[in-house]
Amino acid sequence: MPFFESHIIVNHDDLDELNHVNNVRYVQWVQEVAKKHWQHRASTDMLKNYYWVMINHCIEYKNSAFLNDAIQLKTYIKSSKGPISNRIVEITNSQNGQLLAKSETKWCLINAQTNKPVRITSEITDLF
């Protein structure tokens, strides 16, 4: 199963009052890595004609991340059917390999001209 990864360093803006990464930030990272994956793989025409919206999101927090931690975001498509794609994102500490959080998100493919759900084509499925 092909995957996409991205790396970040935790900064002050990522922290909450307990001085660890805020839970909301993990959700933002999930959204950002999914978008980067799509933009990296999709053609110019695909980017012009389609976009994705998050319709269901489940995240399990395992461990905390702190200031200056190196973070790896790894994502892949678990399955697709109709207009829905199930995406996994694993967030780990790059320095020690510790799993920090894991999410499974349902994304719906939307036609950019009609703003309505559209079936995922084999051309799109083959990207992932």
C-alpha atoms as a PDB file:
ATOM      1  CA  MET A   1       0.000   0.000   0.000  1.00  0.00           C
ATOM      2  CA  PRO A   2       1.683   3.278  -1.100  1.00  0.00           C
ATOM      3  CA  PHE A   3       1.986   5.938   1.557  1.00  0.00           C
ATOM      4  CA  PHE A   4       2.934   9.584   1.793  1.00  0.00           C
ATOM      5  CA  GLU A   5       4.850  11.154   4.606  1.00  0.00           C
ATOM      6  CA  SER A   6       5.632  14.596   5.875  1.00  0.00           C
ATOM      7  CA  HIS A   7       7.835  15.833   8.711  1.00  0.00           C
ATOM      8  CA  ILE A   8       7.461  18.736  11.111  1.00  0.00           C
ATOM      9  CA  ILE A   9       9.104  20.099  14.249  1.00  0.00           C
ATOM     10  CA  VAL A  10       6.821  21.017  17.154  1.00  0.00           C
ATOM     11  CA  ASN A  11       6.880  24.754  17.826  1.00  0.00           C
ATOM     12  CA  HIS A  12       5.378  26.997  20.529  1.00  0.00           C
ATOM     13  CA  ASP A  13       2.170  27.553  18.544  1.00  0.00           C
ATOM     14  CA  ASP A  14       1.462  23.797  18.649  1.00  0.00           C
ATOM     15  CA  LEU A  15       1.409  23.666  22.467  1.00  0.00           C
ATOM     16  CA  ASP A  16      -1.455  23.960  24.914  1.00  0.00           C
ATOM     17  CA  GLU A  17      -1.439  25.144  28.531  1.00  0.00           C
ATOM     18  CA  LEU A  18       0.071  21.789  29.605  1.00  0.00           C
ATOM     19  CA  ASN A  19       3.064  22.409  27.308  1.00  0.00           C
ATOM     20  CA  HIS A  20       2.351  19.459  25.043  1.00  0.00           C
ATOM     21  CA  VAL A  21       0.867  19.439  21.556  1.00  0.00           C
ATOM     22  CA  ASN A  22      -2.775  20.479  21.661  1.00  0.00           C
ATOM     23  CA  ASN A  23      -5.229  17.793  20.524  1.00  0.00           C
ATOM     24  CA  VAL A  24      -6.727  20.197  17.989  1.00  0.00           C
ATOM     25  CA  ARG A  25      -3.291  20.548  16.377  1.00  0.00           C
ATOM     26  CA  TYR A  26      -3.212  16.801  15.661  1.00  0.00           C
ATOM     27  CA  VAL A  27      -6.482  17.154  13.739  1.00  0.00           C
ATOM     28  CA  GLN A  28      -4.973  20.043  11.770  1.00  0.00           C
ATOM     29  CA  TRP A  29      -1.924  17.915  10.949  1.00  0.00           C
ATOM     30  CA  VAL A  30      -4.208  15.100   9.743  1.00  0.00           C
ATOM     31  CA  GLN A  31      -5.981  17.522   7.421  1.00  0.00           C
ATOM     32  CA  GLU A  32      -2.723  19.079   6.199  1.00  0.00           C
ATOM     33  CA  VAL A  33      -0.984  15.792   5.371  1.00  0.00           C
ATOM     34  CA  ALA A  34      -4.073  14.532   3.514  1.00  0.00           C
ATOM     35  CA  LYS A  35      -4.134  17.734   1.456  1.00  0.00           C
ATOM     36  CA  LYS A  36      -0.402  17.511   0.718  1.00  0.00           C
ATOM     37  CA  HIS A  37      -0.807  13.878  -0.371  1.00  0.00           C
ATOM     38  CA  TRP A  38      -3.633  14.814  -2.766  1.00  0.00           C
ATOM     39  CA  GLN A  39      -1.717  17.796  -4.167  1.00  0.00           C
ATOM     40  CA  HIS A  40       1.432  15.707  -4.606  1.00  0.00           C
ATOM     41  CA  ARG A  41      -0.299  12.889  -6.539  1.00  0.00           C
ATOM     42  CA  ALA A  42      -3.151  14.561  -8.419  1.00  0.00           C
ATOM     43  CA  SER A  43      -2.850  16.057 -11.892  1.00  0.00           C
ATOM     44  CA  THR A  44      -3.542  19.725 -12.566  1.00  0.00           C
ATOM     45  CA  ASP A  45      -6.920  18.773 -14.059  1.00  0.00           C
ATOM     46  CA  MET A  46      -7.840  16.710 -10.999  1.00  0.00           C
ATOM     47  CA  LEU A  47      -6.908  19.569  -8.681  1.00  0.00           C
ATOM     48  CA  LYS A  48      -9.073  21.912 -10.762  1.00  0.00           C
ATOM     49  CA  ASN A  49     -12.075  19.565 -10.998  1.00  0.00           C
ATOM     50  CA  TYR A  50     -12.250  17.972  -7.534  1.00  0.00           C
ATOM     51  CA  TYR A  51     -11.743  18.611  -3.862  1.00  0.00           C
ATOM     52  CA  TRP A  52     -12.168  16.540  -0.709  1.00  0.00           C
ATOM     53  CA  VAL A  53     -14.200  17.219   2.423  1.00  0.00           C
ATOM     54  CA  MET A  54     -13.847  15.465   5.760  1.00  0.00           C
ATOM     55  CA  ILE A  55     -17.126  13.794   6.743  1.00  0.00           C
ATOM     56  CA  ASN A  56     -16.111  11.599   9.672  1.00  0.00           C
ATOM     57  CA  HIS A  57     -13.023  11.657  11.811  1.00  0.00           C
ATOM     58  CA  CYS A  58     -11.797   9.359  14.567  1.00  0.00           C
ATOM     59  CA  ILE A  59      -8.470   9.936  16.274  1.00  0.00           C
ATOM     60  CA  GLU A  60      -6.855   7.952  19.046  1.00  0.00           C
ATOM     61  CA  TYR A  61      -4.254   9.742  21.142  1.00  0.00           C
ATOM     62  CA  LYS A  62      -1.489   7.459  22.411  1.00  0.00           C
ATOM     63  CA  ASN A  63       1.360   9.653  23.686  1.00  0.00           C
ATOM     64  CA  SER A  64       2.253  13.317  24.031  1.00  0.00           C
ATOM     65  CA  ALA A  65       4.526  15.426  21.874  1.00  0.00           C
ATOM     66  CA  PHE A  66       6.515  18.375  23.187  1.00  0.00           C
ATOM     67  CA  LEU A  67       8.378  21.466  22.024  1.00  0.00           C
ATOM     68  CA  ASN A  68      11.068  20.722  19.403  1.00  0.00           C
ATOM     69  CA  ASP A  69      10.011  17.093  18.931  1.00  0.00           C
ATOM     70  CA  ALA A  70      10.492  15.859  15.362  1.00  0.00           C
ATOM     71  CA  ILE A  71       7.191  14.455  14.102  1.00  0.00           C
ATOM     72  CA  GLN A  72       6.501  12.112  11.191  1.00  0.00           C
ATOM     73  CA  LEU A  73       3.056  12.127   9.568  1.00  0.00           C
ATOM     74  CA  LYS A  74       2.440   9.002   7.501  1.00  0.00           C
ATOM     75  CA  THR A  75      -0.772   8.608   5.517  1.00  0.00           C
ATOM     76  CA  TYR A  76      -2.331   6.133   3.144  1.00  0.00           C
ATOM     77  CA  ILE A  77      -5.714   5.191   1.738  1.00  0.00           C
ATOM     78  CA  LYS A  78      -7.247   2.168   3.468  1.00  0.00           C
ATOM     79  CA  SER A  79     -10.218   1.808   1.113  1.00  0.00           C
ATOM     80  CA  SER A  80     -12.468   3.675  -1.300  1.00  0.00           C
ATOM     81  CA  LYS A  81     -16.050   3.111  -2.396  1.00  0.00           C
ATOM     82  CA  GLY A  82     -18.359   5.404  -4.312  1.00  0.00           C
ATOM     83  CA  PRO A  83     -17.418   8.979  -3.367  1.00  0.00           C
ATOM     84  CA  ILE A  84     -15.885   7.962   0.001  1.00  0.00           C
ATOM     85  CA  SER A  85     -12.250   7.307   0.797  1.00  0.00           C
ATOM     86  CA  ASN A  86     -11.002   6.022   4.174  1.00  0.00           C
ATOM     87  CA  ARG A  87      -7.626   7.514   5.021  1.00  0.00           C
ATOM     88  CA  ILE A  88      -5.275   6.496   7.820  1.00  0.00           C
ATOM     89  CA  VAL A  89      -2.774   8.909   9.364  1.00  0.00           C
ATOM     90  CA  GLU A  90      -0.134   7.736  11.822  1.00  0.00           C
ATOM     91  CA  ILE A  91       1.667  10.430  13.793  1.00  0.00           C
ATOM     92  CA  THR A  92       4.939   9.322  15.360  1.00  0.00           C
ATOM     93  CA  ASN A  93       7.902  10.808  17.154  1.00  0.00           C
ATOM     94  CA  SER A  94      10.683  10.573  14.557  1.00  0.00           C
ATOM     95  CA  GLN A  95      13.395  10.412  17.212  1.00  0.00           C
ATOM     96  CA  ASN A  96      12.164   7.353  19.108  1.00  0.00           C
ATOM     97  CA  GLY A  97       9.492   5.852  16.810  1.00  0.00           C
ATOM     98  CA  GLN A  98       6.781   6.222  19.456  1.00  0.00           C
ATOM     99  CA  LEU A  99       3.236   6.338  18.062  1.00  0.00           C
ATOM    100  CA  LEU A 100       1.629   9.582  19.233  1.00  0.00           C
ATOM    101  CA  ALA A 101      -1.747   9.363  17.505  1.00  0.00           C
ATOM    102  CA  LYS A 102      -3.561   7.426  14.819  1.00  0.00           C
ATOM    103  CA  SER A 103      -6.580   8.594  12.881  1.00  0.00           C
ATOM    104  CA  GLU A 104      -9.046   7.152  10.436  1.00  0.00           C
ATOM    105  CA  THR A 105     -10.946   9.713   8.424  1.00  0.00           C
ATOM    106  CA  LYS A 106     -13.678   9.404   5.826  1.00  0.00           C
ATOM    107  CA  TRP A 107     -13.266  11.882   3.017  1.00  0.00           C
ATOM    108  CA  CYS A 108     -15.838  12.599   0.316  1.00  0.00           C
ATOM    109  CA  LEU A 109     -14.758  13.542  -3.206  1.00  0.00           C
ATOM    110  CA  ILE A 110     -16.593  16.640  -4.453  1.00  0.00           C
ATOM    111  CA  ASN A 111     -17.003  17.907  -8.005  1.00  0.00           C
ATOM    112  CA  ALA A 112     -15.646  21.479  -7.967  1.00  0.00           C
ATOM    113  CA  GLN A 113     -18.190  22.704 -10.549  1.00  0.00           C
ATOM    114  CA  THR A 114     -21.356  21.271  -8.947  1.00  0.00           C
ATOM    115  CA  ASN A 115     -20.160  21.105  -5.315  1.00  0.00           C
ATOM    116  CA  LYS A 116     -21.770  17.658  -5.116  1.00  0.00           C
ATOM    117  CA  PRO A 117     -20.276  14.271  -4.223  1.00  0.00           C
ATOM    118  CA  VAL A 118     -18.876  12.325  -7.152  1.00  0.00           C
ATOM    119  CA  ARG A 119     -17.776   8.701  -7.506  1.00  0.00           C
ATOM    120  CA  ILE A 120     -14.023   8.203  -7.146  1.00  0.00           C
ATOM    121  CA  THR A 121     -12.704   7.277 -10.587  1.00  0.00           C
ATOM    122  CA  SER A 122     -10.201   4.491 -11.192  1.00  0.00           C
ATOM    123  CA  GLU A 123      -7.766   7.189 -12.320  1.00  0.00           C
ATOM    124  CA  ILE A 124      -7.924   8.712  -8.818  1.00  0.00           C
ATOM    125  CA  THR A 125      -7.868   5.334  -7.056  1.00  0.00           C
ATOM    126  CA  ASP A 126      -4.725   4.402  -9.015  1.00  0.00           C
ATOM    127  CA  LEU A 127      -2.943   7.468  -7.581  1.00  0.00           C
ATOM    128  CA  PHE A 128      -3.070   5.979  -4.131  1.00  0.00           C
END
